[in-house]
Amino acid sequence: MEERFTIRPYQPADRQRVLEVFALNTPEFFDVGEQADLEKYLDVHWDTYFVMEGGGRVVGCGGYHFEGDGSAGRLSWDFIDPRYKGQGLGRQIINHCLEELRKSPHLEKTSVWTSQLAYGFYARFGFETQEVQEDFWGPGLDLYRMEM
């Protein structure tokens, strides 16, 4: 029987598992020093953050927030438990966040700050690279600032 996955709003009780999934993606996709930033993000933007569950367990997550006057949205902190990669779960989370962002009548652009390891993934959604900064996230992890 095929495993079913659902996306639901993040709850504070999910915090530890989200941090565990983050750790599973470190240091390949994230610098270990980024965990403190993720924790701050969860404190502030918990209301626009989502988790994906399968079998009663969080297997991925991602969110968004608005910047400035609310005309700019940014995707943030999306990642999947490596054991579940390749099943389209990341695509589902990103599509969910983009749908939520598009509900805002003030949205003019959407951005994502990612790395050389994931920019191709976001390009498939229509994001275009605006800027690259070497070693921005940590040694060997470059910033790819993208917009659509």
C-alpha atoms as a PDB file:
ATOM      1  CA  MET A   1       0.000   0.000   0.000  1.00  0.00           C
ATOM      2  CA  GLU A   2       1.340   3.415  -0.976  1.00  0.00           C
ATOM      3  CA  GLU A   3       2.138   5.791   1.885  1.00  0.00           C
ATOM      4  CA  ARG A   4      -0.020   8.907   2.007  1.00  0.00           C
ATOM      5  CA  PHE A   5       1.386  12.313   2.845  1.00  0.00           C
ATOM      6  CA  THR A   6      -0.536  15.353   4.037  1.00  0.00           C
ATOM      7  CA  ILE A   7       0.432  18.986   4.537  1.00  0.00           C
ATOM      8  CA  ARG A   8      -0.829  20.777   7.618  1.00  0.00           C
ATOM      9  CA  PRO A   9       0.036  23.953   9.547  1.00  0.00           C
ATOM     10  CA  TYR A  10       3.078  23.816  11.812  1.00  0.00           C
ATOM     11  CA  GLN A  11       2.390  23.507  15.535  1.00  0.00           C
ATOM     12  CA  PRO A  12       4.860  24.140  18.385  1.00  0.00           C
ATOM     13  CA  ALA A  13       4.778  20.405  19.165  1.00  0.00           C
ATOM     14  CA  ASP A  14       6.432  19.836  15.735  1.00  0.00           C
ATOM     15  CA  ARG A  15       9.518  21.894  16.627  1.00  0.00           C
ATOM     16  CA  GLN A  16      11.765  19.047  17.793  1.00  0.00           C
ATOM     17  CA  ARG A  17      11.007  16.889  14.753  1.00  0.00           C
ATOM     18  CA  VAL A  18      11.548  19.843  12.385  1.00  0.00           C
ATOM     19  CA  LEU A  19      14.963  20.376  13.992  1.00  0.00           C
ATOM     20  CA  GLU A  20      15.705  16.654  13.605  1.00  0.00           C
ATOM     21  CA  VAL A  21      14.872  16.774   9.890  1.00  0.00           C
ATOM     22  CA  PHE A  22      17.037  19.896   9.574  1.00  0.00           C
ATOM     23  CA  ALA A  23      19.923  18.028  11.232  1.00  0.00           C
ATOM     24  CA  LEU A  24      19.504  15.178   8.736  1.00  0.00           C
ATOM     25  CA  ASN A  25      20.137  17.736   5.957  1.00  0.00           C
ATOM     26  CA  THR A  26      23.234  19.182   7.663  1.00  0.00           C
ATOM     27  CA  PRO A  27      25.979  19.674   6.534  1.00  0.00           C
ATOM     28  CA  GLU A  28      25.056  18.635   2.986  1.00  0.00           C
ATOM     29  CA  PHE A  29      22.408  21.316   2.363  1.00  0.00           C
ATOM     30  CA  PHE A  30      22.708  23.602   5.398  1.00  0.00           C
ATOM     31  CA  ASP A  31      25.576  24.890   7.499  1.00  0.00           C
ATOM     32  CA  VAL A  32      25.331  23.740  11.123  1.00  0.00           C
ATOM     33  CA  GLY A  33      25.362  27.409  12.195  1.00  0.00           C
ATOM     34  CA  GLU A  34      22.017  27.981  10.486  1.00  0.00           C
ATOM     35  CA  GLN A  35      20.028  26.078  13.119  1.00  0.00           C
ATOM     36  CA  ALA A  36      19.771  29.158  15.364  1.00  0.00           C
ATOM     37  CA  ASP A  37      18.277  31.102  12.424  1.00  0.00           C
ATOM     38  CA  LEU A  38      15.745  28.336  11.828  1.00  0.00           C
ATOM     39  CA  GLU A  39      14.745  28.358  15.490  1.00  0.00           C
ATOM     40  CA  LYS A  40      14.214  32.147  15.405  1.00  0.00           C
ATOM     41  CA  TYR A  41      12.204  31.773  12.209  1.00  0.00           C
ATOM     42  CA  LEU A  42       9.913  29.205  13.825  1.00  0.00           C
ATOM     43  CA  ASP A  43       9.352  31.586  16.745  1.00  0.00           C
ATOM     44  CA  VAL A  44       8.333  34.467  14.467  1.00  0.00           C
ATOM     45  CA  HIS A  45       6.781  32.922  11.330  1.00  0.00           C
ATOM     46  CA  TRP A  46       5.173  29.779  12.756  1.00  0.00           C
ATOM     47  CA  ASP A  47       1.796  30.855  11.356  1.00  0.00           C
ATOM     48  CA  THR A  48       2.964  30.552   7.721  1.00  0.00           C
ATOM     49  CA  TYR A  49       4.992  27.380   8.177  1.00  0.00           C
ATOM     50  CA  PHE A  50       3.808  23.903   7.238  1.00  0.00           C
ATOM     51  CA  VAL A  51       4.800  20.323   7.857  1.00  0.00           C
ATOM     52  CA  MET A  52       4.287  17.262   5.713  1.00  0.00           C
ATOM     53  CA  GLU A  53       3.301  14.110   7.534  1.00  0.00           C
ATOM     54  CA  GLY A  54       3.454  10.511   6.474  1.00  0.00           C
ATOM     55  CA  GLY A  55       2.606   7.648   8.770  1.00  0.00           C
ATOM     56  CA  GLY A  56       1.995  10.065  11.633  1.00  0.00           C
ATOM     57  CA  ARG A  57       5.540  11.448  11.376  1.00  0.00           C
ATOM     58  CA  VAL A  58       6.835  14.774  10.051  1.00  0.00           C
ATOM     59  CA  VAL A  59       8.913  14.013   6.947  1.00  0.00           C
ATOM     60  CA  GLY A  60       9.311  17.522   5.568  1.00  0.00           C
ATOM     61  CA  CYS A  61       8.468  21.157   6.071  1.00  0.00           C
ATOM     62  CA  GLY A  62       8.525  24.593   4.519  1.00  0.00           C
ATOM     63  CA  GLY A  63       7.013  28.006   4.790  1.00  0.00           C
ATOM     64  CA  TYR A  64       6.868  31.569   3.618  1.00  0.00           C
ATOM     65  CA  HIS A  65       6.619  35.078   4.955  1.00  0.00           C
ATOM     66  CA  PHE A  66       5.949  38.557   3.636  1.00  0.00           C
ATOM     67  CA  GLU A  67       8.562  41.289   3.594  1.00  0.00           C
ATOM     68  CA  GLY A  68       8.309  45.081   3.733  1.00  0.00           C
ATOM     69  CA  ASP A  69       4.885  46.360   2.763  1.00  0.00           C
ATOM     70  CA  GLY A  70       3.611  42.855   2.027  1.00  0.00           C
ATOM     71  CA  SER A  71       4.134  42.997  -1.730  1.00  0.00           C
ATOM     72  CA  ALA A  72       7.121  40.639  -1.549  1.00  0.00           C
ATOM     73  CA  GLY A  73       6.850  37.060  -0.372  1.00  0.00           C
ATOM     74  CA  ARG A  74       9.724  34.738   0.375  1.00  0.00           C
ATOM     75  CA  LEU A  75       9.816  30.954   0.589  1.00  0.00           C
ATOM     76  CA  SER A  76      11.816  29.848   3.608  1.00  0.00           C
ATOM     77  CA  TRP A  77      13.232  26.815   5.350  1.00  0.00           C
ATOM     78  CA  ASP A  78      11.888  24.021   3.192  1.00  0.00           C
ATOM     79  CA  PHE A  79      13.524  20.620   3.488  1.00  0.00           C
ATOM     80  CA  ILE A  80      12.674  16.926   3.398  1.00  0.00           C
ATOM     81  CA  ASP A  81      13.921  13.990   5.448  1.00  0.00           C
ATOM     82  CA  PRO A  82      16.568  12.498   3.101  1.00  0.00           C
ATOM     83  CA  ARG A  83      14.919   9.078   3.398  1.00  0.00           C
ATOM     84  CA  TYR A  84      11.860  10.510   1.613  1.00  0.00           C
ATOM     85  CA  LYS A  85      13.583  12.520  -1.125  1.00  0.00           C
ATOM     86  CA  GLY A  86      12.739  11.805  -4.731  1.00  0.00           C
ATOM     87  CA  GLN A  87       9.028  11.277  -4.070  1.00  0.00           C
ATOM     88  CA  GLY A  88       7.890  14.776  -5.063  1.00  0.00           C
ATOM     89  CA  LEU A  89       7.297  15.887  -1.474  1.00  0.00           C
ATOM     90  CA  GLY A  90       9.415  19.031  -1.775  1.00  0.00           C
ATOM     91  CA  ARG A  91       7.497  20.015  -4.896  1.00  0.00           C
ATOM     92  CA  GLN A  92       4.219  19.560  -3.017  1.00  0.00           C
ATOM     93  CA  ILE A  93       5.350  21.763  -0.127  1.00  0.00           C
ATOM     94  CA  ILE A  94       6.579  24.500  -2.481  1.00  0.00           C
ATOM     95  CA  ASN A  95       3.353  24.398  -4.496  1.00  0.00           C
ATOM     96  CA  HIS A  96       1.353  24.639  -1.267  1.00  0.00           C
ATOM     97  CA  CYS A  97       3.337  27.684  -0.113  1.00  0.00           C
ATOM     98  CA  LEU A  98       3.060  29.360  -3.525  1.00  0.00           C
ATOM     99  CA  GLU A  99      -0.711  28.825  -3.495  1.00  0.00           C
ATOM    100  CA  GLU A 100      -0.909  30.413  -0.039  1.00  0.00           C
ATOM    101  CA  LEU A 101       1.242  33.367  -1.127  1.00  0.00           C
ATOM    102  CA  ARG A 102      -0.916  33.964  -4.200  1.00  0.00           C
ATOM    103  CA  LYS A 103      -3.969  34.482  -1.990  1.00  0.00           C
ATOM    104  CA  SER A 104      -2.552  37.888  -1.045  1.00  0.00           C
ATOM    105  CA  PRO A 105      -3.930  40.654  -3.281  1.00  0.00           C
ATOM    106  CA  HIS A 106      -0.763  42.680  -2.601  1.00  0.00           C
ATOM    107  CA  LEU A 107       1.794  40.107  -3.759  1.00  0.00           C
ATOM    108  CA  GLU A 108       4.005  41.433  -6.568  1.00  0.00           C
ATOM    109  CA  LYS A 109       7.007  39.102  -6.411  1.00  0.00           C
ATOM    110  CA  THR A 110       8.185  35.973  -4.652  1.00  0.00           C
ATOM    111  CA  SER A 111      11.771  35.162  -3.801  1.00  0.00           C
ATOM    112  CA  VAL A 112      13.798  32.348  -2.349  1.00  0.00           C
ATOM    113  CA  TRP A 113      17.311  32.402  -0.965  1.00  0.00           C
ATOM    114  CA  THR A 114      18.889  29.030  -1.630  1.00  0.00           C
ATOM    115  CA  SER A 115      22.228  27.464  -2.536  1.00  0.00           C
ATOM    116  CA  GLN A 116      23.963  26.004  -5.561  1.00  0.00           C
ATOM    117  CA  LEU A 117      22.649  22.622  -4.419  1.00  0.00           C
ATOM    118  CA  ALA A 118      18.966  23.540  -4.810  1.00  0.00           C
ATOM    119  CA  TYR A 119      18.686  26.443  -7.252  1.00  0.00           C
ATOM    120  CA  GLY A 120      17.840  24.071 -10.114  1.00  0.00           C
ATOM    121  CA  PHE A 121      14.883  22.766  -8.118  1.00  0.00           C
ATOM    122  CA  TYR A 122      13.461  26.290  -7.742  1.00  0.00           C
ATOM    123  CA  ALA A 123      14.159  27.126 -11.380  1.00  0.00           C
ATOM    124  CA  ARG A 124      11.593  24.466 -12.309  1.00  0.00           C
ATOM    125  CA  PHE A 125       8.949  26.625 -10.590  1.00  0.00           C
ATOM    126  CA  GLY A 126       9.954  29.673 -12.622  1.00  0.00           C
ATOM    127  CA  PHE A 127      12.406  31.283 -10.201  1.00  0.00           C
ATOM    128  CA  GLU A 128      15.332  33.069 -11.849  1.00  0.00           C
ATOM    129  CA  THR A 129      18.721  33.731 -10.258  1.00  0.00           C
ATOM    130  CA  GLN A 130      19.238  37.405  -9.397  1.00  0.00           C
ATOM    131  CA  GLU A 131      22.453  37.198  -7.385  1.00  0.00           C
ATOM    132  CA  VAL A 132      25.115  34.709  -6.299  1.00  0.00           C
ATOM    133  CA  GLN A 133      27.359  35.180  -3.235  1.00  0.00           C
ATOM    134  CA  GLU A 134      30.100  32.654  -2.592  1.00  0.00           C
ATOM    135  CA  ASP A 135      30.231  30.999   0.864  1.00  0.00           C
ATOM    136  CA  PHE A 136      27.228  33.042   2.083  1.00  0.00           C
ATOM    137  CA  TRP A 137      25.659  30.248   4.146  1.00  0.00           C
ATOM    138  CA  GLY A 138      28.990  28.737   5.170  1.00  0.00           C
ATOM    139  CA  PRO A 139      32.110  27.312   3.541  1.00  0.00           C
ATOM    140  CA  GLY A 140      31.128  25.781   0.209  1.00  0.00           C
ATOM    141  CA  LEU A 141      27.471  26.875   0.455  1.00  0.00           C
ATOM    142  CA  ASP A 142      26.795  29.793  -1.877  1.00  0.00           C
ATOM    143  CA  LEU A 143      23.735  32.048  -1.826  1.00  0.00           C
ATOM    144  CA  TYR A 144      21.511  31.944  -4.898  1.00  0.00           C
ATOM    145  CA  ARG A 145      18.943  34.713  -4.503  1.00  0.00           C
ATOM    146  CA  MET A 146      16.104  33.932  -6.891  1.00  0.00           C
ATOM    147  CA  GLU A 147      12.825  35.654  -7.836  1.00  0.00           C
ATOM    148  CA  MET A 148       9.712  34.996  -9.825  1.00  0.00           C
END
